[in-house]
């Protein structure tokens, strides 16, 4: 997995011909006593390598209200609200500390051309126990008896799911793309396909592109009065980002368009060139693997190049255009 992260970092740098450094927030840079967590009743955010994790404290009821908190709690037994911070694995993905995150948490970046490569994620003990067993607010996932806790749903109608949604922002505006990850999924036919995440899993966020902040939302199939019944917490570790400076465009190309995008078959890349020159057109998947490598000779004016996407699986891909000096990437989606 570390090789994949490195490859993604290299791809971002090559595609934009920029100076960039992949940095990882491991949360081990923060000092904690054993089996404890970050507590700041002034509501002070915490930062590492250019990433600021928002943190909110409610003075009226004297508790952690919002955002993220770094922790090393190892309790995998207590599945109640008194164990807000512990993850179901009992340990960090690497090192000692990890972070537990509430729904609505925000991470902002000092560099507004930051790409979030991804992070490792798992359920908290509180959420995992609620999903597996049910509690006074939420029903047990997969319960087909009609007697589960929480909202009453007719017997046999439980295609349950519980997910995190990562959204990117730039200059205060939410971007179109988002990343979803299911921490529990009972939608597939057959109970053998049901799962609730109990280990560390990698969430790839490279499709968000360059952002100056991200937010975390959570949704579930089990809701009452518009609110999710499960605990709205999850844990993360090894948060990897790519900060970039000096973004350059292809000097010989005045305009590029890609149509249709999304596509089910062929793509047409329209290029307006200022010169006659050789131009490399490469296609990469989201992991950074090169799938196609072609070179064309552009002429002054409008040029069109056909890219065959019929053989590609559904997903997110990148086209890299490069000449002798700089490069540019364009994202497309195969349906």
C-alpha atoms as a PDB file:
ATOM      1  CA  UNK A   1       0.000   0.000   0.000  1.00  0.00           C
ATOM      2  CA  UNK A   2       2.875   2.403   0.748  1.00  0.00           C
ATOM      3  CA  UNK A   3       4.165   1.813  -2.803  1.00  0.00           C
ATOM      4  CA  UNK A   4       0.740   2.786  -4.155  1.00  0.00           C
ATOM      5  CA  UNK A   5       0.748   6.025  -2.144  1.00  0.00           C
ATOM      6  CA  UNK A   6       4.217   6.873  -3.444  1.00  0.00           C
ATOM      7  CA  UNK A   7       3.166   6.176  -7.027  1.00  0.00           C
ATOM      8  CA  UNK A   8       0.171   8.476  -6.633  1.00  0.00           C
ATOM      9  CA  UNK A   9       2.419  11.223  -5.288  1.00  0.00           C
ATOM     10  CA  UNK A  10       4.769  10.876  -8.247  1.00  0.00           C
ATOM     11  CA  UNK A  11       1.859  10.932 -10.700  1.00  0.00           C
ATOM     12  CA  UNK A  12       0.495  14.197  -9.299  1.00  0.00           C
ATOM     13  CA  UNK A  13       3.911  15.808  -9.538  1.00  0.00           C
ATOM     14  CA  UNK A  14       4.587  14.618 -13.084  1.00  0.00           C
ATOM     15  CA  UNK A  15       1.133  15.501 -14.344  1.00  0.00           C
ATOM     16  CA  UNK A  16       1.516  19.142 -13.375  1.00  0.00           C
ATOM     17  CA  UNK A  17       5.304  19.573 -13.586  1.00  0.00           C
ATOM     18  CA  UNK A  18       5.382  21.029 -10.098  1.00  0.00           C
ATOM     19  CA  UNK A  19       7.495  20.940  -6.979  1.00  0.00           C
ATOM     20  CA  UNK A  20       5.614  18.670  -4.596  1.00  0.00           C
ATOM     21  CA  UNK A  21       6.265  16.677  -1.458  1.00  0.00           C
ATOM     22  CA  UNK A  22       4.064  13.925  -0.043  1.00  0.00           C
ATOM     23  CA  UNK A  23       3.580  14.394   3.697  1.00  0.00           C
ATOM     24  CA  UNK A  24       1.945  12.100   6.223  1.00  0.00           C
ATOM     25  CA  UNK A  25       0.116  13.029   9.396  1.00  0.00           C
ATOM     26  CA  UNK A  26       0.685   9.961  11.567  1.00  0.00           C
ATOM     27  CA  UNK A  27      -0.580  11.624  14.799  1.00  0.00           C
ATOM     28  CA  UNK A  28       2.486  10.243  16.586  1.00  0.00           C
ATOM     29  CA  UNK A  29       4.007  13.728  16.521  1.00  0.00           C
ATOM     30  CA  UNK A  30       1.505  14.639  19.255  1.00  0.00           C
ATOM     31  CA  UNK A  31       2.353  13.718  22.855  1.00  0.00           C
ATOM     32  CA  UNK A  32      -0.150  11.620  24.777  1.00  0.00           C
ATOM     33  CA  UNK A  33      -0.099   9.568  27.928  1.00  0.00           C
ATOM     34  CA  UNK A  34      -0.927   5.883  27.398  1.00  0.00           C
ATOM     35  CA  UNK A  35      -4.625   5.118  26.843  1.00  0.00           C
ATOM     36  CA  UNK A  36      -5.666   8.781  26.617  1.00  0.00           C
ATOM     37  CA  UNK A  37      -6.895  11.373  24.113  1.00  0.00           C
ATOM     38  CA  UNK A  38      -6.625  15.044  23.154  1.00  0.00           C
ATOM     39  CA  UNK A  39      -8.736  17.218  25.441  1.00  0.00           C
ATOM     40  CA  UNK A  40      -8.749  20.992  25.178  1.00  0.00           C
ATOM     41  CA  UNK A  41     -11.609  22.861  26.837  1.00  0.00           C
ATOM     42  CA  UNK A  42     -10.624  26.021  24.972  1.00  0.00           C
ATOM     43  CA  UNK A  43     -11.564  24.307  21.705  1.00  0.00           C
ATOM     44  CA  UNK A  44      -8.098  24.707  20.164  1.00  0.00           C
ATOM     45  CA  UNK A  45      -7.475  23.123  16.751  1.00  0.00           C
ATOM     46  CA  UNK A  46      -4.327  21.035  16.238  1.00  0.00           C
ATOM     47  CA  UNK A  47      -1.982  21.011  13.226  1.00  0.00           C
ATOM     48  CA  UNK A  48       0.729  18.904  11.618  1.00  0.00           C
ATOM     49  CA  UNK A  49       2.742  19.399   8.380  1.00  0.00           C
ATOM     50  CA  UNK A  50       0.336  21.998   6.999  1.00  0.00           C
ATOM     51  CA  UNK A  51      -2.921  20.228   7.904  1.00  0.00           C
ATOM     52  CA  UNK A  52      -5.160  21.736  10.595  1.00  0.00           C
ATOM     53  CA  UNK A  53      -7.742  19.484  12.226  1.00  0.00           C
ATOM     54  CA  UNK A  54     -10.666  21.475  13.599  1.00  0.00           C
ATOM     55  CA  UNK A  55     -11.651  20.747  17.191  1.00  0.00           C
ATOM     56  CA  UNK A  56     -14.700  21.972  19.084  1.00  0.00           C
ATOM     57  CA  UNK A  57     -15.428  21.917  22.816  1.00  0.00           C
ATOM     58  CA  UNK A  58     -18.808  22.722  24.368  1.00  0.00           C
ATOM     59  CA  UNK A  59     -18.344  24.610  27.627  1.00  0.00           C
ATOM     60  CA  UNK A  60     -22.027  24.348  28.624  1.00  0.00           C
ATOM     61  CA  UNK A  61     -21.972  20.564  28.977  1.00  0.00           C
ATOM     62  CA  UNK A  62     -18.174  20.306  29.147  1.00  0.00           C
ATOM     63  CA  UNK A  63     -17.569  17.853  26.335  1.00  0.00           C
ATOM     64  CA  UNK A  64     -16.005  17.259  22.921  1.00  0.00           C
ATOM     65  CA  UNK A  65     -18.505  18.727  20.511  1.00  0.00           C
ATOM     66  CA  UNK A  66     -17.062  18.521  16.990  1.00  0.00           C
ATOM     67  CA  UNK A  67     -14.067  17.867  14.756  1.00  0.00           C
ATOM     68  CA  UNK A  68     -11.201  15.447  15.331  1.00  0.00           C
ATOM     69  CA  UNK A  69      -9.210  14.341  18.360  1.00  0.00           C
ATOM     70  CA  UNK A  70      -5.971  12.366  18.398  1.00  0.00           C
ATOM     71  CA  UNK A  71      -6.006   9.395  20.751  1.00  0.00           C
ATOM     72  CA  UNK A  72      -4.427   6.075  21.695  1.00  0.00           C
ATOM     73  CA  UNK A  73      -7.405   4.555  23.521  1.00  0.00           C
ATOM     74  CA  UNK A  74      -7.244   0.752  23.212  1.00  0.00           C
ATOM     75  CA  UNK A  75     -10.698  -0.198  24.535  1.00  0.00           C
ATOM     76  CA  UNK A  76     -12.439  -2.621  22.151  1.00  0.00           C
ATOM     77  CA  UNK A  77     -15.033  -3.790  24.707  1.00  0.00           C
ATOM     78  CA  UNK A  78     -16.957  -0.723  25.858  1.00  0.00           C
ATOM     79  CA  UNK A  79     -19.493   0.048  23.132  1.00  0.00           C
ATOM     80  CA  UNK A  80     -21.223   2.983  24.843  1.00  0.00           C
ATOM     81  CA  UNK A  81     -20.955   6.776  24.659  1.00  0.00           C
ATOM     82  CA  UNK A  82     -18.406   6.652  27.492  1.00  0.00           C
ATOM     83  CA  UNK A  83     -15.915   5.285  24.928  1.00  0.00           C
ATOM     84  CA  UNK A  84     -16.105   7.930  22.214  1.00  0.00           C
ATOM     85  CA  UNK A  85     -12.448   7.834  21.215  1.00  0.00           C
ATOM     86  CA  UNK A  86     -11.460   4.163  20.966  1.00  0.00           C
ATOM     87  CA  UNK A  87     -11.257   2.307  17.635  1.00  0.00           C
ATOM     88  CA  UNK A  88     -12.357  -1.296  17.164  1.00  0.00           C
ATOM     89  CA  UNK A  89      -8.841  -2.432  16.178  1.00  0.00           C
ATOM     90  CA  UNK A  90      -7.530  -1.348  19.589  1.00  0.00           C
ATOM     91  CA  UNK A  91      -4.336   0.010  18.017  1.00  0.00           C
ATOM     92  CA  UNK A  92      -3.224   2.597  15.466  1.00  0.00           C
ATOM     93  CA  UNK A  93      -2.495   1.568  11.884  1.00  0.00           C
ATOM     94  CA  UNK A  94       1.133   2.420  12.592  1.00  0.00           C
ATOM     95  CA  UNK A  95       2.844   3.830  15.635  1.00  0.00           C
ATOM     96  CA  UNK A  96       0.843   4.574  18.775  1.00  0.00           C
ATOM     97  CA  UNK A  97      -1.605   7.416  18.083  1.00  0.00           C
ATOM     98  CA  UNK A  98      -4.493   7.733  15.634  1.00  0.00           C
ATOM     99  CA  UNK A  99      -7.415  10.171  15.384  1.00  0.00           C
ATOM    100  CA  UNK A 100     -11.130   9.739  15.984  1.00  0.00           C
ATOM    101  CA  UNK A 101     -13.352  11.950  13.869  1.00  0.00           C
ATOM    102  CA  UNK A 102     -16.913  13.192  14.283  1.00  0.00           C
ATOM    103  CA  UNK A 103     -19.423  13.710  11.499  1.00  0.00           C
ATOM    104  CA  UNK A 104     -19.010  17.233  10.110  1.00  0.00           C
ATOM    105  CA  UNK A 105     -15.298  17.453  10.929  1.00  0.00           C
ATOM    106  CA  UNK A 106     -13.121  19.706   8.754  1.00  0.00           C
ATOM    107  CA  UNK A 107      -9.432  19.519   7.856  1.00  0.00           C
ATOM    108  CA  UNK A 108      -7.928  22.670   6.295  1.00  0.00           C
ATOM    109  CA  UNK A 109      -4.567  23.067   4.562  1.00  0.00           C
ATOM    110  CA  UNK A 110      -2.057  25.895   4.651  1.00  0.00           C
ATOM    111  CA  UNK A 111      -1.322  25.343   0.949  1.00  0.00           C
ATOM    112  CA  UNK A 112      -4.393  25.882  -1.225  1.00  0.00           C
ATOM    113  CA  UNK A 113      -3.025  23.531  -3.895  1.00  0.00           C
ATOM    114  CA  UNK A 114      -3.063  20.421  -1.725  1.00  0.00           C
ATOM    115  CA  UNK A 115      -4.149  17.020  -3.002  1.00  0.00           C
ATOM    116  CA  UNK A 116      -5.264  14.498  -0.388  1.00  0.00           C
ATOM    117  CA  UNK A 117      -3.877  11.143  -1.449  1.00  0.00           C
ATOM    118  CA  UNK A 118      -5.835   9.253   1.183  1.00  0.00           C
ATOM    119  CA  UNK A 119      -5.851   7.829   4.698  1.00  0.00           C
ATOM    120  CA  UNK A 120      -6.526   4.651   6.648  1.00  0.00           C
ATOM    121  CA  UNK A 121      -9.924   4.239   8.280  1.00  0.00           C
ATOM    122  CA  UNK A 122     -11.739   1.929  10.680  1.00  0.00           C
ATOM    123  CA  UNK A 123     -14.820   1.935  12.885  1.00  0.00           C
ATOM    124  CA  UNK A 124     -14.822   3.161  16.440  1.00  0.00           C
ATOM    125  CA  UNK A 125     -15.680   0.599  19.107  1.00  0.00           C
ATOM    126  CA  UNK A 126     -18.828   2.608  19.893  1.00  0.00           C
ATOM    127  CA  UNK A 127     -20.093   2.518  16.292  1.00  0.00           C
ATOM    128  CA  UNK A 128     -19.051  -1.099  15.639  1.00  0.00           C
ATOM    129  CA  UNK A 129     -20.902  -2.373  18.688  1.00  0.00           C
ATOM    130  CA  UNK A 130     -23.992  -0.328  17.806  1.00  0.00           C
ATOM    131  CA  UNK A 131     -24.098  -1.744  14.278  1.00  0.00           C
ATOM    132  CA  UNK A 132     -23.431  -5.337  15.322  1.00  0.00           C
ATOM    133  CA  UNK A 133     -25.666  -5.471  18.400  1.00  0.00           C
ATOM    134  CA  UNK A 134     -28.043  -2.520  18.232  1.00  0.00           C
ATOM    135  CA  UNK A 135     -28.590  -0.170  21.158  1.00  0.00           C
ATOM    136  CA  UNK A 136     -31.219   2.127  22.665  1.00  0.00           C
ATOM    137  CA  UNK A 137     -31.091   4.360  19.587  1.00  0.00           C
ATOM    138  CA  UNK A 138     -30.090   2.135  16.641  1.00  0.00           C
ATOM    139  CA  UNK A 139     -31.206  -1.253  15.389  1.00  0.00           C
ATOM    140  CA  UNK A 140     -28.898  -4.198  14.894  1.00  0.00           C
ATOM    141  CA  UNK A 141     -27.846  -4.350  11.236  1.00  0.00           C
ATOM    142  CA  UNK A 142     -29.204  -7.398   9.460  1.00  0.00           C
ATOM    143  CA  UNK A 143     -32.010  -7.879  11.978  1.00  0.00           C
ATOM    144  CA  UNK A 144     -34.860  -9.526  10.064  1.00  0.00           C
ATOM    145  CA  UNK A 145     -37.111 -10.218  13.039  1.00  0.00           C
ATOM    146  CA  UNK A 146     -38.721  -6.789  13.110  1.00  0.00           C
ATOM    147  CA  UNK A 147     -37.783  -6.477  16.786  1.00  0.00           C
ATOM    148  CA  UNK A 148     -34.507  -4.536  16.523  1.00  0.00           C
ATOM    149  CA  UNK A 149     -33.848  -1.417  18.573  1.00  0.00           C
ATOM    150  CA  UNK A 150     -34.577   2.017  17.184  1.00  0.00           C
ATOM    151  CA  UNK A 151     -36.917   2.710  14.275  1.00  0.00           C
ATOM    152  CA  UNK A 152     -39.364  -0.106  13.536  1.00  0.00           C
ATOM    153  CA  UNK A 153     -39.142  -1.408   9.963  1.00  0.00           C
ATOM    154  CA  UNK A 154     -41.201  -4.322   8.592  1.00  0.00           C
ATOM    155  CA  UNK A 155     -39.608  -7.737   8.832  1.00  0.00           C
ATOM    156  CA  UNK A 156     -37.080  -8.559   6.111  1.00  0.00           C
ATOM    157  CA  UNK A 157     -36.547  -4.985   4.884  1.00  0.00           C
ATOM    158  CA  UNK A 158     -33.007  -4.295   6.120  1.00  0.00           C
ATOM    159  CA  UNK A 159     -30.585  -3.487   3.260  1.00  0.00           C
ATOM    160  CA  UNK A 160     -28.477  -1.638   5.815  1.00  0.00           C
ATOM    161  CA  UNK A 161     -25.378   0.504   5.210  1.00  0.00           C
ATOM    162  CA  UNK A 162     -23.201   3.008   7.065  1.00  0.00           C
ATOM    163  CA  UNK A 163     -20.709   5.219   5.226  1.00  0.00           C
ATOM    164  CA  UNK A 164     -18.308   8.147   5.344  1.00  0.00           C
ATOM    165  CA  UNK A 165     -18.398  10.830   2.635  1.00  0.00           C
ATOM    166  CA  UNK A 166     -15.301  12.976   2.016  1.00  0.00           C
ATOM    167  CA  UNK A 167     -15.935  16.300   0.264  1.00  0.00           C
ATOM    168  CA  UNK A 168     -13.358  18.731  -1.073  1.00  0.00           C
ATOM    169  CA  UNK A 169     -13.495  22.541  -1.035  1.00  0.00           C
ATOM    170  CA  UNK A 170     -11.602  25.281  -2.809  1.00  0.00           C
ATOM    171  CA  UNK A 171     -12.011  28.988  -1.982  1.00  0.00           C
ATOM    172  CA  UNK A 172     -15.067  28.188   0.098  1.00  0.00           C
ATOM    173  CA  UNK A 173     -16.852  26.324  -2.677  1.00  0.00           C
ATOM    174  CA  UNK A 174     -17.651  22.621  -2.503  1.00  0.00           C
ATOM    175  CA  UNK A 175     -16.229  20.688  -5.450  1.00  0.00           C
ATOM    176  CA  UNK A 176     -18.314  18.346  -7.579  1.00  0.00           C
ATOM    177  CA  UNK A 177     -16.474  15.128  -6.752  1.00  0.00           C
ATOM    178  CA  UNK A 178     -16.685  13.321  -3.440  1.00  0.00           C
ATOM    179  CA  UNK A 179     -15.361  10.039  -2.050  1.00  0.00           C
ATOM    180  CA  UNK A 180     -17.587   7.513  -0.286  1.00  0.00           C
ATOM    181  CA  UNK A 181     -16.449   4.631   1.886  1.00  0.00           C
ATOM    182  CA  UNK A 182     -18.771   2.030   3.453  1.00  0.00           C
ATOM    183  CA  UNK A 183     -17.834   1.150   7.019  1.00  0.00           C
ATOM    184  CA  UNK A 184     -20.712  -1.360   7.037  1.00  0.00           C
ATOM    185  CA  UNK A 185     -22.694  -2.778   4.122  1.00  0.00           C
ATOM    186  CA  UNK A 186     -25.554  -5.286   4.257  1.00  0.00           C
ATOM    187  CA  UNK A 187     -27.080  -4.468   0.867  1.00  0.00           C
ATOM    188  CA  UNK A 188     -25.777  -7.417  -1.143  1.00  0.00           C
ATOM    189  CA  UNK A 189     -27.838 -10.600  -1.427  1.00  0.00           C
ATOM    190  CA  UNK A 190     -26.921 -13.254   1.111  1.00  0.00           C
ATOM    191  CA  UNK A 191     -25.770 -12.706   4.678  1.00  0.00           C
ATOM    192  CA  UNK A 192     -22.271 -14.001   3.836  1.00  0.00           C
ATOM    193  CA  UNK A 193     -21.676 -10.740   1.956  1.00  0.00           C
ATOM    194  CA  UNK A 194     -22.571  -8.532   4.938  1.00  0.00           C
ATOM    195  CA  UNK A 195     -19.682  -6.791   6.655  1.00  0.00           C
ATOM    196  CA  UNK A 196     -18.758  -4.242   9.316  1.00  0.00           C
ATOM    197  CA  UNK A 197     -15.166  -2.993   9.022  1.00  0.00           C
ATOM    198  CA  UNK A 198     -13.036  -4.208  11.926  1.00  0.00           C
ATOM    199  CA  UNK A 199      -9.524  -3.505  10.626  1.00  0.00           C
ATOM    200  CA  UNK A 200      -7.676  -0.625   8.970  1.00  0.00           C
ATOM    201  CA  UNK A 201      -8.631   0.020   5.335  1.00  0.00           C
ATOM    202  CA  UNK A 202      -7.196   2.567   2.880  1.00  0.00           C
ATOM    203  CA  UNK A 203      -9.469   5.282   1.438  1.00  0.00           C
ATOM    204  CA  UNK A 204      -8.183   6.748  -1.834  1.00  0.00           C
ATOM    205  CA  UNK A 205      -9.067  10.459  -2.155  1.00  0.00           C
ATOM    206  CA  UNK A 206      -6.959  11.447  -5.152  1.00  0.00           C
ATOM    207  CA  UNK A 207     -10.073  11.980  -7.300  1.00  0.00           C
ATOM    208  CA  UNK A 208     -10.918  15.096  -5.232  1.00  0.00           C
ATOM    209  CA  UNK A 209      -8.027  16.950  -6.896  1.00  0.00           C
ATOM    210  CA  UNK A 210      -6.548  20.113  -5.424  1.00  0.00           C
ATOM    211  CA  UNK A 211      -8.342  21.431  -2.358  1.00  0.00           C
ATOM    212  CA  UNK A 212      -7.803  23.893   0.476  1.00  0.00           C
ATOM    213  CA  UNK A 213     -10.003  21.921   2.903  1.00  0.00           C
ATOM    214  CA  UNK A 214     -12.044  18.742   3.191  1.00  0.00           C
ATOM    215  CA  UNK A 215     -15.035  17.770   5.316  1.00  0.00           C
ATOM    216  CA  UNK A 216     -16.346  14.434   6.547  1.00  0.00           C
ATOM    217  CA  UNK A 217     -20.026  13.553   6.437  1.00  0.00           C
ATOM    218  CA  UNK A 218     -21.663  10.310   7.566  1.00  0.00           C
ATOM    219  CA  UNK A 219     -24.887   8.640   6.467  1.00  0.00           C
ATOM    220  CA  UNK A 220     -26.747   5.462   7.346  1.00  0.00           C
ATOM    221  CA  UNK A 221     -29.796   3.479   6.308  1.00  0.00           C
ATOM    222  CA  UNK A 222     -31.100   3.659   9.886  1.00  0.00           C
ATOM    223  CA  UNK A 223     -32.529   7.120  10.603  1.00  0.00           C
ATOM    224  CA  UNK A 224     -35.185   8.738  12.777  1.00  0.00           C
ATOM    225  CA  UNK A 225     -36.645  12.203  12.213  1.00  0.00           C
ATOM    226  CA  UNK A 226     -33.891  12.972   9.707  1.00  0.00           C
ATOM    227  CA  UNK A 227     -31.031  11.962  12.021  1.00  0.00           C
ATOM    228  CA  UNK A 228     -28.718   8.962  11.806  1.00  0.00           C
ATOM    229  CA  UNK A 229     -29.274   6.527  14.677  1.00  0.00           C
ATOM    230  CA  UNK A 230     -25.764   5.046  14.757  1.00  0.00           C
ATOM    231  CA  UNK A 231     -22.919   6.893  16.537  1.00  0.00           C
ATOM    232  CA  UNK A 232     -21.410   9.412  14.089  1.00  0.00           C
ATOM    233  CA  UNK A 233     -17.729   8.615  14.719  1.00  0.00           C
ATOM    234  CA  UNK A 234     -14.894   6.848  12.893  1.00  0.00           C
ATOM    235  CA  UNK A 235     -11.107   6.615  13.257  1.00  0.00           C
ATOM    236  CA  UNK A 236      -8.291   7.483  10.835  1.00  0.00           C
ATOM    237  CA  UNK A 237      -4.514   7.184  10.660  1.00  0.00           C
ATOM    238  CA  UNK A 238      -1.634   7.964   8.266  1.00  0.00           C
ATOM    239  CA  UNK A 239      -3.327  10.910   6.549  1.00  0.00           C
ATOM    240  CA  UNK A 240      -1.292  11.456   3.356  1.00  0.00           C
ATOM    241  CA  UNK A 241      -1.390  14.676   1.334  1.00  0.00           C
ATOM    242  CA  UNK A 242       0.528  16.235  -1.532  1.00  0.00           C
ATOM    243  CA  UNK A 243       1.199  19.981  -1.287  1.00  0.00           C
ATOM    244  CA  UNK A 244       2.172  21.618  -4.564  1.00  0.00           C
ATOM    245  CA  UNK A 245       3.646  24.915  -5.730  1.00  0.00           C
ATOM    246  CA  UNK A 246       4.483  26.417  -9.095  1.00  0.00           C
ATOM    247  CA  UNK A 247       1.635  24.953 -11.159  1.00  0.00           C
ATOM    248  CA  UNK A 248       2.345  25.316 -14.866  1.00  0.00           C
ATOM    249  CA  UNK A 249       0.298  24.718 -17.988  1.00  0.00           C
ATOM    250  CA  UNK A 250       1.398  23.471 -21.379  1.00  0.00           C
ATOM    251  CA  UNK A 251       2.763  26.549 -23.141  1.00  0.00           C
ATOM    252  CA  UNK A 252       2.065  25.216 -26.642  1.00  0.00           C
ATOM    253  CA  UNK A 253      -1.582  24.363 -25.954  1.00  0.00           C
ATOM    254  CA  UNK A 254      -4.127  27.154 -25.638  1.00  0.00           C
ATOM    255  CA  UNK A 255      -7.202  25.015 -24.951  1.00  0.00           C
ATOM    256  CA  UNK A 256      -8.188  21.391 -24.322  1.00  0.00           C
ATOM    257  CA  UNK A 257     -11.626  19.764 -24.048  1.00  0.00           C
ATOM    258  CA  UNK A 258     -12.675  16.168 -23.488  1.00  0.00           C
ATOM    259  CA  UNK A 259     -16.013  14.797 -24.721  1.00  0.00           C
ATOM    260  CA  UNK A 260     -18.097  12.953 -23.635  1.00  0.00           C
ATOM    261  CA  UNK A 261     -17.108  12.910 -19.980  1.00  0.00           C
ATOM    262  CA  UNK A 262     -18.291  10.637 -18.347  1.00  0.00           C
ATOM    263  CA  UNK A 263     -18.020   8.141 -21.187  1.00  0.00           C
ATOM    264  CA  UNK A 264     -19.068   4.577 -21.883  1.00  0.00           C
ATOM    265  CA  UNK A 265     -16.932   3.992 -24.972  1.00  0.00           C
ATOM    266  CA  UNK A 266     -14.755   6.486 -26.851  1.00  0.00           C
ATOM    267  CA  UNK A 267     -13.369   9.848 -25.757  1.00  0.00           C
ATOM    268  CA  UNK A 268     -12.559  12.714 -28.083  1.00  0.00           C
ATOM    269  CA  UNK A 269      -9.729  14.968 -26.952  1.00  0.00           C
ATOM    270  CA  UNK A 270      -9.849  18.365 -28.679  1.00  0.00           C
ATOM    271  CA  UNK A 271      -6.610  20.343 -28.598  1.00  0.00           C
ATOM    272  CA  UNK A 272      -5.926  23.872 -29.828  1.00  0.00           C
ATOM    273  CA  UNK A 273      -2.189  24.128 -30.473  1.00  0.00           C
ATOM    274  CA  UNK A 274      -0.048  27.223 -30.987  1.00  0.00           C
ATOM    275  CA  UNK A 275       2.745  25.275 -32.665  1.00  0.00           C
ATOM    276  CA  UNK A 276       3.557  22.102 -34.544  1.00  0.00           C
ATOM    277  CA  UNK A 277       5.050  19.764 -31.953  1.00  0.00           C
ATOM    278  CA  UNK A 278       5.112  16.255 -30.524  1.00  0.00           C
ATOM    279  CA  UNK A 279       2.655  15.687 -27.684  1.00  0.00           C
ATOM    280  CA  UNK A 280       2.498  12.607 -25.457  1.00  0.00           C
ATOM    281  CA  UNK A 281      -0.979  11.422 -24.448  1.00  0.00           C
ATOM    282  CA  UNK A 282      -0.942   8.891 -21.613  1.00  0.00           C
ATOM    283  CA  UNK A 283      -3.796   7.319 -19.667  1.00  0.00           C
ATOM    284  CA  UNK A 284      -3.457   6.351 -15.983  1.00  0.00           C
ATOM    285  CA  UNK A 285      -5.835   4.659 -13.583  1.00  0.00           C
ATOM    286  CA  UNK A 286      -6.481   6.086 -10.130  1.00  0.00           C
ATOM    287  CA  UNK A 287      -3.626   4.069  -8.596  1.00  0.00           C
ATOM    288  CA  UNK A 288      -1.101   5.677 -10.963  1.00  0.00           C
ATOM    289  CA  UNK A 289      -0.715   2.666 -13.292  1.00  0.00           C
ATOM    290  CA  UNK A 290      -0.064   3.663 -16.913  1.00  0.00           C
ATOM    291  CA  UNK A 291      -2.611   2.024 -19.227  1.00  0.00           C
ATOM    292  CA  UNK A 292      -1.984   3.761 -22.567  1.00  0.00           C
ATOM    293  CA  UNK A 293       1.027   5.605 -23.985  1.00  0.00           C
ATOM    294  CA  UNK A 294       0.784   7.461 -27.291  1.00  0.00           C
ATOM    295  CA  UNK A 295       2.522  10.320 -29.071  1.00  0.00           C
ATOM    296  CA  UNK A 296       0.883  12.552 -31.670  1.00  0.00           C
ATOM    297  CA  UNK A 297       2.141  15.369 -33.866  1.00  0.00           C
ATOM    298  CA  UNK A 298      -0.017  18.444 -33.369  1.00  0.00           C
ATOM    299  CA  UNK A 299      -0.564  21.067 -36.054  1.00  0.00           C
ATOM    300  CA  UNK A 300      -1.301  24.757 -35.524  1.00  0.00           C
ATOM    301  CA  UNK A 301      -4.992  25.160 -34.769  1.00  0.00           C
ATOM    302  CA  UNK A 302      -7.533  22.519 -33.842  1.00  0.00           C
ATOM    303  CA  UNK A 303      -6.532  18.893 -33.375  1.00  0.00           C
ATOM    304  CA  UNK A 304      -8.683  15.940 -32.342  1.00  0.00           C
ATOM    305  CA  UNK A 305      -7.496  12.657 -30.858  1.00  0.00           C
ATOM    306  CA  UNK A 306      -9.659   9.596 -30.198  1.00  0.00           C
ATOM    307  CA  UNK A 307      -9.061   7.663 -26.969  1.00  0.00           C
ATOM    308  CA  UNK A 308     -10.573   4.191 -26.780  1.00  0.00           C
ATOM    309  CA  UNK A 309     -12.054   3.680 -23.302  1.00  0.00           C
ATOM    310  CA  UNK A 310     -14.218   0.693 -24.158  1.00  0.00           C
ATOM    311  CA  UNK A 311     -11.880  -1.819 -22.518  1.00  0.00           C
ATOM    312  CA  UNK A 312     -11.569   0.171 -19.262  1.00  0.00           C
ATOM    313  CA  UNK A 313     -13.482  -0.833 -16.154  1.00  0.00           C
ATOM    314  CA  UNK A 314     -15.883   1.665 -14.589  1.00  0.00           C
ATOM    315  CA  UNK A 315     -13.990   4.206 -12.503  1.00  0.00           C
ATOM    316  CA  UNK A 316     -11.875   7.378 -12.433  1.00  0.00           C
ATOM    317  CA  UNK A 317      -8.925   7.833 -14.830  1.00  0.00           C
ATOM    318  CA  UNK A 318      -6.455  10.555 -15.790  1.00  0.00           C
ATOM    319  CA  UNK A 319      -5.153  11.659 -19.190  1.00  0.00           C
ATOM    320  CA  UNK A 320      -1.696  13.204 -19.065  1.00  0.00           C
ATOM    321  CA  UNK A 321      -0.627  15.546 -21.853  1.00  0.00           C
ATOM    322  CA  UNK A 322       3.080  16.331 -21.948  1.00  0.00           C
ATOM    323  CA  UNK A 323       5.608  17.970 -24.239  1.00  0.00           C
ATOM    324  CA  UNK A 324       9.339  18.476 -23.709  1.00  0.00           C
ATOM    325  CA  UNK A 325       8.801  21.037 -20.952  1.00  0.00           C
ATOM    326  CA  UNK A 326       5.652  20.650 -18.898  1.00  0.00           C
ATOM    327  CA  UNK A 327       2.620  18.440 -18.429  1.00  0.00           C
ATOM    328  CA  UNK A 328      -1.079  18.714 -17.752  1.00  0.00           C
ATOM    329  CA  UNK A 329      -3.611  16.167 -16.536  1.00  0.00           C
ATOM    330  CA  UNK A 330      -7.334  15.833 -17.219  1.00  0.00           C
ATOM    331  CA  UNK A 331      -9.649  13.578 -15.239  1.00  0.00           C
ATOM    332  CA  UNK A 332     -12.377  11.477 -16.855  1.00  0.00           C
ATOM    333  CA  UNK A 333     -14.897   8.931 -15.652  1.00  0.00           C
ATOM    334  CA  UNK A 334     -15.723   5.617 -17.326  1.00  0.00           C
ATOM    335  CA  UNK A 335     -19.293   4.469 -16.661  1.00  0.00           C
END
